[in-house]
C-alpha atoms as a PDB file:
ATOM      1  CA  UNK A   1     -37.641 -21.597 -15.849  1.00  0.00           C
ATOM      2  CA  UNK A   2     -35.718 -20.156 -12.947  1.00  0.00           C
ATOM      3  CA  UNK A   3     -32.308 -21.129 -11.714  1.00  0.00           C
ATOM      4  CA  UNK A   4     -30.898 -20.968  -8.212  1.00  0.00           C
ATOM      5  CA  UNK A   5     -29.457 -17.512  -8.945  1.00  0.00           C
ATOM      6  CA  UNK A   6     -32.462 -15.948 -10.706  1.00  0.00           C
ATOM      7  CA  UNK A   7     -35.442 -14.461  -8.832  1.00  0.00           C
ATOM      8  CA  UNK A   8     -38.956 -15.835  -9.307  1.00  0.00           C
ATOM      9  CA  UNK A   9     -41.079 -14.138 -11.954  1.00  0.00           C
ATOM     10  CA  UNK A  10     -42.066 -10.628 -10.920  1.00  0.00           C
ATOM     11  CA  UNK A  11     -39.682 -10.455  -7.929  1.00  0.00           C
ATOM     12  CA  UNK A  12     -36.931  -7.883  -7.803  1.00  0.00           C
ATOM     13  CA  UNK A  13     -33.422  -9.081  -7.233  1.00  0.00           C
ATOM     14  CA  UNK A  14     -31.542  -7.682  -4.222  1.00  0.00           C
ATOM     15  CA  UNK A  15     -28.217  -5.947  -4.916  1.00  0.00           C
ATOM     16  CA  UNK A  16     -25.380  -8.387  -5.345  1.00  0.00           C
ATOM     17  CA  UNK A  17     -22.643  -8.245  -2.723  1.00  0.00           C
ATOM     18  CA  UNK A  18     -19.430  -6.720  -3.950  1.00  0.00           C
ATOM     19  CA  UNK A  19     -21.034  -4.213  -6.336  1.00  0.00           C
ATOM     20  CA  UNK A  20     -19.759  -0.747  -5.393  1.00  0.00           C
ATOM     21  CA  UNK A  21     -22.221   1.875  -4.268  1.00  0.00           C
ATOM     22  CA  UNK A  22     -21.347   5.543  -4.936  1.00  0.00           C
ATOM     23  CA  UNK A  23     -19.650   6.971  -1.868  1.00  0.00           C
ATOM     24  CA  UNK A  24     -19.356   3.630  -0.087  1.00  0.00           C
ATOM     25  CA  UNK A  25     -15.565   3.866  -0.262  1.00  0.00           C
ATOM     26  CA  UNK A  26     -15.525   6.948   1.958  1.00  0.00           C
ATOM     27  CA  UNK A  27     -14.903   6.269   5.652  1.00  0.00           C
ATOM     28  CA  UNK A  28     -17.955   6.797   7.842  1.00  0.00           C
ATOM     29  CA  UNK A  29     -20.227   7.413   4.870  1.00  0.00           C
ATOM     30  CA  UNK A  30     -23.517   5.507   4.876  1.00  0.00           C
ATOM     31  CA  UNK A  31     -24.258   3.818   1.558  1.00  0.00           C
ATOM     32  CA  UNK A  32     -27.648   5.553   1.168  1.00  0.00           C
ATOM     33  CA  UNK A  33     -27.337   9.277   1.828  1.00  0.00           C
ATOM     34  CA  UNK A  34     -29.730  12.068   1.086  1.00  0.00           C
ATOM     35  CA  UNK A  35     -28.947  13.796  -2.213  1.00  0.00           C
ATOM     36  CA  UNK A  36     -26.580  16.748  -1.992  1.00  0.00           C
ATOM     37  CA  UNK A  37     -28.210  20.164  -1.636  1.00  0.00           C
ATOM     38  CA  UNK A  38     -26.455  22.463  -4.155  1.00  0.00           C
ATOM     39  CA  UNK A  39     -27.296  25.603  -2.163  1.00  0.00           C
ATOM     40  CA  UNK A  40     -25.836  24.168   1.053  1.00  0.00           C
ATOM     41  CA  UNK A  41     -22.710  22.974  -0.731  1.00  0.00           C
ATOM     42  CA  UNK A  42     -22.146  26.353  -2.398  1.00  0.00           C
ATOM     43  CA  UNK A  43     -22.643  28.111   0.935  1.00  0.00           C
ATOM     44  CA  UNK A  44     -20.116  25.836   2.688  1.00  0.00           C
ATOM     45  CA  UNK A  45     -17.496  26.176  -0.040  1.00  0.00           C
ATOM     46  CA  UNK A  46     -17.987  29.959  -0.287  1.00  0.00           C
ATOM     47  CA  UNK A  47     -17.549  30.286   3.490  1.00  0.00           C
ATOM     48  CA  UNK A  48     -14.330  28.265   3.381  1.00  0.00           C
ATOM     49  CA  UNK A  49     -12.958  30.239   0.443  1.00  0.00           C
ATOM     50  CA  UNK A  50     -13.826  33.497   2.216  1.00  0.00           C
ATOM     51  CA  UNK A  51     -11.496  32.402   5.038  1.00  0.00           C
ATOM     52  CA  UNK A  52      -8.615  32.477   2.567  1.00  0.00           C
ATOM     53  CA  UNK A  53      -8.883  36.233   2.159  1.00  0.00           C
ATOM     54  CA  UNK A  54      -6.342  38.123   0.075  1.00  0.00           C
ATOM     55  CA  UNK A  55      -2.918  36.559  -0.243  1.00  0.00           C
ATOM     56  CA  UNK A  56      -0.389  38.593   1.779  1.00  0.00           C
ATOM     57  CA  UNK A  57       2.774  39.782   0.089  1.00  0.00           C
ATOM     58  CA  UNK A  58       5.654  38.499   2.205  1.00  0.00           C
ATOM     59  CA  UNK A  59       9.215  39.743   2.262  1.00  0.00           C
ATOM     60  CA  UNK A  60      12.255  37.562   2.908  1.00  0.00           C
ATOM     61  CA  UNK A  61      12.145  38.236   6.679  1.00  0.00           C
ATOM     62  CA  UNK A  62       8.632  36.752   6.961  1.00  0.00           C
ATOM     63  CA  UNK A  63       9.380  33.198   5.754  1.00  0.00           C
ATOM     64  CA  UNK A  64       8.066  31.567   8.936  1.00  0.00           C
ATOM     65  CA  UNK A  65       4.807  33.500   8.754  1.00  0.00           C
ATOM     66  CA  UNK A  66       4.473  32.761   5.045  1.00  0.00           C
ATOM     67  CA  UNK A  67       4.948  29.032   5.710  1.00  0.00           C
ATOM     68  CA  UNK A  68       2.264  29.095   8.386  1.00  0.00           C
ATOM     69  CA  UNK A  69      -0.070  30.959   6.015  1.00  0.00           C
ATOM     70  CA  UNK A  70       0.503  28.413   3.251  1.00  0.00           C
ATOM     71  CA  UNK A  71      -0.272  25.593   5.688  1.00  0.00           C
ATOM     72  CA  UNK A  72      -3.466  27.338   6.842  1.00  0.00           C
ATOM     73  CA  UNK A  73      -4.558  27.992   3.256  1.00  0.00           C
ATOM     74  CA  UNK A  74      -3.858  24.372   2.290  1.00  0.00           C
ATOM     75  CA  UNK A  75      -5.997  23.153   5.216  1.00  0.00           C
ATOM     76  CA  UNK A  76      -8.890  25.404   4.162  1.00  0.00           C
ATOM     77  CA  UNK A  77      -8.668  24.231   0.542  1.00  0.00           C
ATOM     78  CA  UNK A  78      -8.576  20.622   1.716  1.00  0.00           C
ATOM     79  CA  UNK A  79     -11.771  21.200   3.718  1.00  0.00           C
ATOM     80  CA  UNK A  80     -13.476  22.717   0.647  1.00  0.00           C
ATOM     81  CA  UNK A  81     -12.299  19.718  -1.383  1.00  0.00           C
ATOM     82  CA  UNK A  82     -13.789  17.343   1.206  1.00  0.00           C
ATOM     83  CA  UNK A  83     -17.157  19.141   1.000  1.00  0.00           C
ATOM     84  CA  UNK A  84     -17.178  18.670  -2.780  1.00  0.00           C
ATOM     85  CA  UNK A  85     -16.071  15.025  -2.588  1.00  0.00           C
ATOM     86  CA  UNK A  86     -18.815  14.266  -0.048  1.00  0.00           C
ATOM     87  CA  UNK A  87     -21.370  15.918  -2.347  1.00  0.00           C
ATOM     88  CA  UNK A  88     -20.186  13.919  -5.349  1.00  0.00           C
ATOM     89  CA  UNK A  89     -20.429  10.714  -3.312  1.00  0.00           C
ATOM     90  CA  UNK A  90     -24.191  11.221  -3.024  1.00  0.00           C
ATOM     91  CA  UNK A  91     -24.708  11.453  -6.783  1.00  0.00           C
ATOM     92  CA  UNK A  92     -25.828   8.235  -8.448  1.00  0.00           C
ATOM     93  CA  UNK A  93     -23.542   7.195 -11.257  1.00  0.00           C
ATOM     94  CA  UNK A  94     -25.301   6.041 -14.414  1.00  0.00           C
END
């Protein structure tokens, strides 16, 4: 016997509204993305981390330059973080 909320025998039930889909909470992210390519992700993150370069040793007279460098480094790390978050959003959660 079927009820108003159950599908007929043999029919698949469509996803219920309100059930979260991995990555759907991210702005501008389609609910059904292609799976993340590990090689592409590693390449993107490696390229961003290469931009960091060696950390300069700053003296007291270079505080303004050091502040600008910290801001630049933080922006690069944030971009690398975003790449990883986007990749994780494509992984199905079990």
